[in-house]
Amino acid sequence: MKKLSILALSAVLLAVSCKESKTDSVTTATEQAVAEQTGETFTVNTDSTTVKWTAYHKGGLNPRFGTTKTTGTFSVENGNLVSGSLTSDLNTLTTDPAAVDPAMSDGKTSADLDAHLKSADFFDTAKYPSVKFDITKVEDLAAGTQSKVAGANKTVSGNLTIKDKTVNVSFPAKVEVTENGLTMVSNFTINRQDWGLAYGTEGDPKDWMISQEVDLELNVVAGK
């Protein structure tokens, strides 16, 4: 009976530990040279652009999600995205109230979570007020590549800088360029420990249930 109970518990823990993947995985590398700005410049429309983040407890349970405001520019040459830079102001980071039930969170609200994320435990916005992404390369999505983004047609690579750490990430994206505008849609997952955001991970007994995975959903709109 004891052995059966242990096996049953193991099965439950295994099921809980596997979050259903609704995002693309990223390929990471060391910091790369930033792509040269050539051609026409398109400016990000902050009001029309959304950058959504989602963080989880272990196994994808009890997700927290919200948004940040983002600015930036893209360079387009011969109808193709060739370079660009995005900056998210972490002082605008907001947790959706729907993501936090005070009754299930020891009375804590979304505003409390905002304050904690901006503290030195996480982003330390007093010292590092923004997250930056600088494109290093844009390539056609390789034939046969599977993506969670409908219509994905490009692989976008860029240096993602959080706090004082820069890591190059590559992910599928749907990029559409018109005469007067550009849109970029992507949905991918990063490991926050790659940027030294280690609060609440294994080895920290007070809150080890926080997942290392963070989903980033980009819907960027830019125009001349």
Protein backbone atom coordinates (compact mmCIF):
# COMPACT_ATOMS: atom_id res chain seq x y z
CA MET A 1 0.00 0.00 0.00
CA LYS A 2 2.82 2.38 0.88
CA LYS A 3 4.57 1.66 -2.44
CA LEU A 4 1.32 2.24 -4.34
CA SER A 5 0.80 5.57 -2.57
CA ILE A 6 4.30 6.71 -3.50
CA LEU A 7 3.71 5.76 -7.14
CA ALA A 8 0.39 7.59 -7.18
CA LEU A 9 1.97 10.68 -5.65
CA SER A 10 4.78 10.57 -8.21
CA ALA A 11 2.25 10.41 -11.05
CA VAL A 12 0.41 13.45 -9.70
CA LEU A 13 3.63 15.44 -9.30
CA LEU A 14 4.69 14.53 -12.84
CA ALA A 15 1.35 15.71 -14.24
CA VAL A 16 1.55 18.96 -12.29
CA SER A 17 5.11 19.64 -13.42
CA CYS A 18 4.21 19.58 -17.13
CA LYS A 19 2.72 22.89 -18.26
CA GLU A 20 0.90 22.64 -21.57
CA SER A 21 3.00 24.51 -24.09
CA LYS A 22 1.15 27.31 -25.85
CA THR A 23 4.29 29.21 -26.75
CA ASP A 24 7.41 28.78 -28.84
CA SER A 25 10.74 27.87 -27.34
CA VAL A 26 13.67 30.22 -27.79
CA THR A 27 17.22 29.48 -28.80
CA THR A 28 19.71 31.35 -26.64
CA ALA A 29 23.28 32.44 -27.32
CA THR A 30 25.81 34.98 -26.14
CA GLU A 31 25.40 38.66 -27.03
CA GLN A 32 25.67 39.30 -30.79
CA ALA A 33 26.41 42.35 -32.95
CA VAL A 34 23.31 44.50 -33.43
CA ALA A 35 21.97 44.69 -37.01
CA GLU A 36 22.71 47.92 -38.87
CA GLN A 37 19.86 50.39 -39.31
CA THR A 38 19.26 50.84 -43.02
CA GLY A 39 16.33 51.80 -45.21
CA GLU A 40 13.14 53.38 -43.85
CA THR A 41 12.34 53.91 -40.19
CA PHE A 42 9.05 52.79 -38.66
CA THR A 43 8.15 53.99 -35.15
CA VAL A 44 6.34 51.77 -32.67
CA ASN A 45 2.80 52.91 -31.85
CA THR A 46 2.81 52.52 -28.07
CA ASP A 47 -0.98 52.74 -27.76
CA SER A 48 -1.57 49.96 -30.32
CA THR A 49 1.31 47.74 -29.17
CA THR A 50 0.93 45.19 -26.39
CA VAL A 51 3.64 43.27 -24.59
CA LYS A 52 2.08 40.74 -22.25
CA TRP A 53 3.98 38.67 -19.70
CA THR A 54 2.76 35.55 -17.93
CA ALA A 55 4.52 33.86 -15.02
CA TYR A 56 3.50 30.68 -13.25
CA HIS A 57 3.82 28.59 -10.18
CA LYS A 58 5.25 25.12 -10.75
CA GLY A 59 3.36 23.05 -13.32
CA GLY A 60 1.71 26.10 -14.87
CA LEU A 61 -0.56 26.61 -11.88
CA ASN A 62 -1.94 29.92 -10.63
CA PRO A 63 -0.60 32.12 -13.47
CA ARG A 64 0.14 35.80 -12.97
CA PHE A 65 -0.06 38.03 -16.03
CA GLY A 66 0.07 41.66 -17.05
CA THR A 67 1.57 44.15 -19.48
CA THR A 68 4.22 46.82 -19.94
CA LYS A 69 4.37 49.87 -22.19
CA THR A 70 6.84 49.61 -25.07
CA THR A 71 8.52 52.08 -27.41
CA GLY A 72 10.98 51.61 -30.26
CA THR A 73 11.77 51.75 -33.96
CA PHE A 74 12.26 49.31 -36.83
CA SER A 75 14.27 49.58 -40.03
CA VAL A 76 12.73 48.28 -43.25
CA GLU A 77 14.57 47.82 -46.53
CA ASN A 78 13.10 46.44 -49.76
CA GLY A 79 9.95 45.49 -47.91
CA ASN A 80 11.77 43.45 -45.24
CA LEU A 81 12.43 44.01 -41.57
CA VAL A 82 16.21 44.27 -41.13
CA SER A 83 16.78 45.78 -37.70
CA GLY A 84 15.10 47.45 -34.78
CA SER A 85 15.00 48.12 -31.08
CA LEU A 86 12.24 47.79 -28.46
CA THR A 87 12.30 49.20 -24.93
CA SER A 88 9.78 48.25 -22.25
CA ASP A 89 9.45 50.69 -19.36
CA LEU A 90 9.31 48.54 -16.23
CA ASN A 91 7.81 51.40 -14.26
CA THR A 92 4.68 50.82 -16.36
CA LEU A 93 4.59 47.11 -15.46
CA THR A 94 1.05 46.28 -14.39
CA THR A 95 -0.40 43.00 -13.16
CA ASP A 96 -3.92 42.30 -14.38
CA PRO A 97 -6.23 42.32 -11.31
CA ALA A 98 -7.89 39.19 -12.75
CA ALA A 99 -4.61 37.33 -12.16
CA VAL A 100 -4.62 37.81 -8.39
CA ASP A 101 -7.39 36.67 -6.09
CA PRO A 102 -6.71 38.23 -2.65
CA ALA A 103 -8.67 35.41 -1.04
CA MET A 104 -6.19 32.91 -2.48
CA SER A 105 -3.09 35.09 -2.01
CA ASP A 106 -3.07 35.88 1.71
CA GLY A 107 -4.86 39.15 1.03
CA LYS A 108 -2.28 40.39 -1.48
CA THR A 109 -3.53 42.32 -4.50
CA SER A 110 -2.22 42.90 -8.02
CA ALA A 111 -0.74 46.20 -6.80
CA ASP A 112 1.22 44.29 -4.16
CA LEU A 113 2.59 42.01 -6.88
CA ASP A 114 3.53 45.04 -9.00
CA ALA A 115 5.53 46.44 -6.10
CA HIS A 116 7.26 43.11 -5.50
CA LEU A 117 8.20 42.67 -9.17
CA LYS A 118 9.70 46.17 -9.20
CA SER A 119 11.70 45.50 -6.04
CA ALA A 120 15.28 44.21 -5.80
CA ASP A 121 13.91 40.65 -5.55
CA PHE A 122 13.11 40.81 -9.25
CA PHE A 123 13.70 43.74 -11.64
CA ASP A 124 15.03 46.37 -9.22
CA THR A 125 13.52 49.16 -11.31
CA ALA A 126 15.20 51.85 -9.21
CA LYS A 127 18.50 50.75 -10.80
CA TYR A 128 17.26 49.08 -14.00
CA PRO A 129 14.10 50.87 -15.20
CA SER A 130 13.76 49.17 -18.57
CA VAL A 131 14.12 45.96 -20.58
CA LYS A 132 15.62 46.30 -24.06
CA PHE A 133 15.56 44.12 -27.16
CA ASP A 134 17.94 44.92 -30.07
CA ILE A 135 17.52 42.92 -33.26
CA THR A 136 20.68 41.18 -34.47
CA LYS A 137 19.25 39.17 -37.37
CA VAL A 138 15.98 38.50 -39.21
CA GLU A 139 15.72 35.39 -41.38
CA ASP A 140 12.98 33.53 -43.23
CA LEU A 141 11.48 30.83 -41.01
CA ALA A 142 13.06 27.53 -41.99
CA ALA A 143 10.78 25.21 -43.94
CA GLY A 144 9.01 22.74 -41.68
CA THR A 145 9.50 24.79 -38.53
CA GLN A 146 6.52 24.46 -36.21
CA SER A 147 5.29 27.57 -34.40
CA LYS A 148 2.46 28.38 -32.03
CA VAL A 149 2.06 31.70 -33.89
CA ALA A 150 -0.33 31.35 -36.82
CA GLY A 151 1.30 32.54 -40.01
CA ALA A 152 4.80 32.78 -38.53
CA ASN A 153 7.19 33.58 -41.38
CA LYS A 154 10.41 34.83 -39.79
CA THR A 155 12.96 33.91 -37.16
CA VAL A 156 13.88 37.03 -35.24
CA SER A 157 17.09 37.11 -33.20
CA GLY A 158 18.09 39.84 -30.82
CA ASN A 159 19.93 40.82 -27.67
CA LEU A 160 17.50 40.83 -24.74
CA THR A 161 18.86 42.88 -21.85
CA ILE A 162 17.28 42.55 -18.41
CA LYS A 163 18.96 44.29 -15.50
CA ASP A 164 22.69 44.07 -16.28
CA LYS A 165 22.58 40.82 -18.29
CA THR A 166 22.31 40.46 -22.08
CA VAL A 167 21.38 37.17 -23.76
CA ASN A 168 20.71 36.66 -27.47
CA VAL A 169 17.36 34.99 -28.12
CA SER A 170 15.85 33.66 -31.36
CA PHE A 171 12.14 32.96 -31.85
CA PRO A 172 9.54 32.54 -34.61
CA ALA A 173 7.42 35.57 -35.45
CA LYS A 174 4.81 36.70 -37.92
CA VAL A 175 6.16 39.87 -39.54
CA GLU A 176 4.08 41.81 -42.04
CA VAL A 177 5.36 44.91 -43.81
CA THR A 178 3.23 47.31 -45.85
CA GLU A 179 4.06 50.62 -47.46
CA ASN A 180 3.18 52.56 -44.32
CA GLY A 181 3.30 50.07 -41.48
CA LEU A 182 4.75 46.99 -39.86
CA THR A 183 3.39 44.41 -37.43
CA MET A 184 5.27 41.72 -35.52
CA VAL A 185 3.54 38.98 -33.54
CA SER A 186 5.35 36.40 -31.41
CA ASN A 187 4.69 34.25 -28.39
CA PHE A 188 7.64 32.60 -26.69
CA THR A 189 8.99 31.40 -23.37
CA ILE A 190 12.23 32.40 -21.65
CA ASN A 191 13.94 31.09 -18.53
CA ARG A 192 14.27 34.00 -16.12
CA GLN A 193 17.38 32.51 -14.52
CA ASP A 194 19.27 33.16 -17.77
CA TRP A 195 19.13 36.82 -16.69
CA GLY A 196 19.87 36.19 -13.03
CA LEU A 197 16.25 36.52 -11.91
CA ALA A 198 16.55 33.67 -9.44
CA TYR A 199 14.08 34.68 -6.72
CA GLY A 200 11.91 31.79 -5.57
CA THR A 201 13.67 29.05 -7.51
CA GLU A 202 14.96 25.71 -6.23
CA GLY A 203 17.27 26.23 -3.31
CA ASP A 204 15.10 29.01 -1.91
CA PRO A 205 12.89 27.17 0.59
CA LYS A 206 10.58 30.09 1.30
CA ASP A 207 8.99 30.16 -2.16
CA TRP A 208 10.34 27.38 -4.35
CA MET A 209 7.04 26.91 -6.20
CA ILE A 210 7.59 29.85 -8.60
CA SER A 211 8.35 28.58 -12.10
CA GLN A 212 11.50 29.63 -13.92
CA GLU A 213 9.50 30.01 -17.14
CA VAL A 214 8.05 33.33 -18.25
CA ASP A 215 5.92 33.71 -21.39
CA LEU A 216 6.22 36.85 -23.49
CA GLU A 217 3.53 37.69 -26.03
CA LEU A 218 4.40 40.52 -28.44
CA ASN A 219 1.90 42.28 -30.67
CA VAL A 220 3.89 45.18 -32.04
CA VAL A 221 2.48 47.81 -34.39
CA ALA A 222 4.72 50.42 -36.06
CA GLY A 223 4.27 53.04 -38.74
CA LYS A 224 6.03 55.84 -40.57
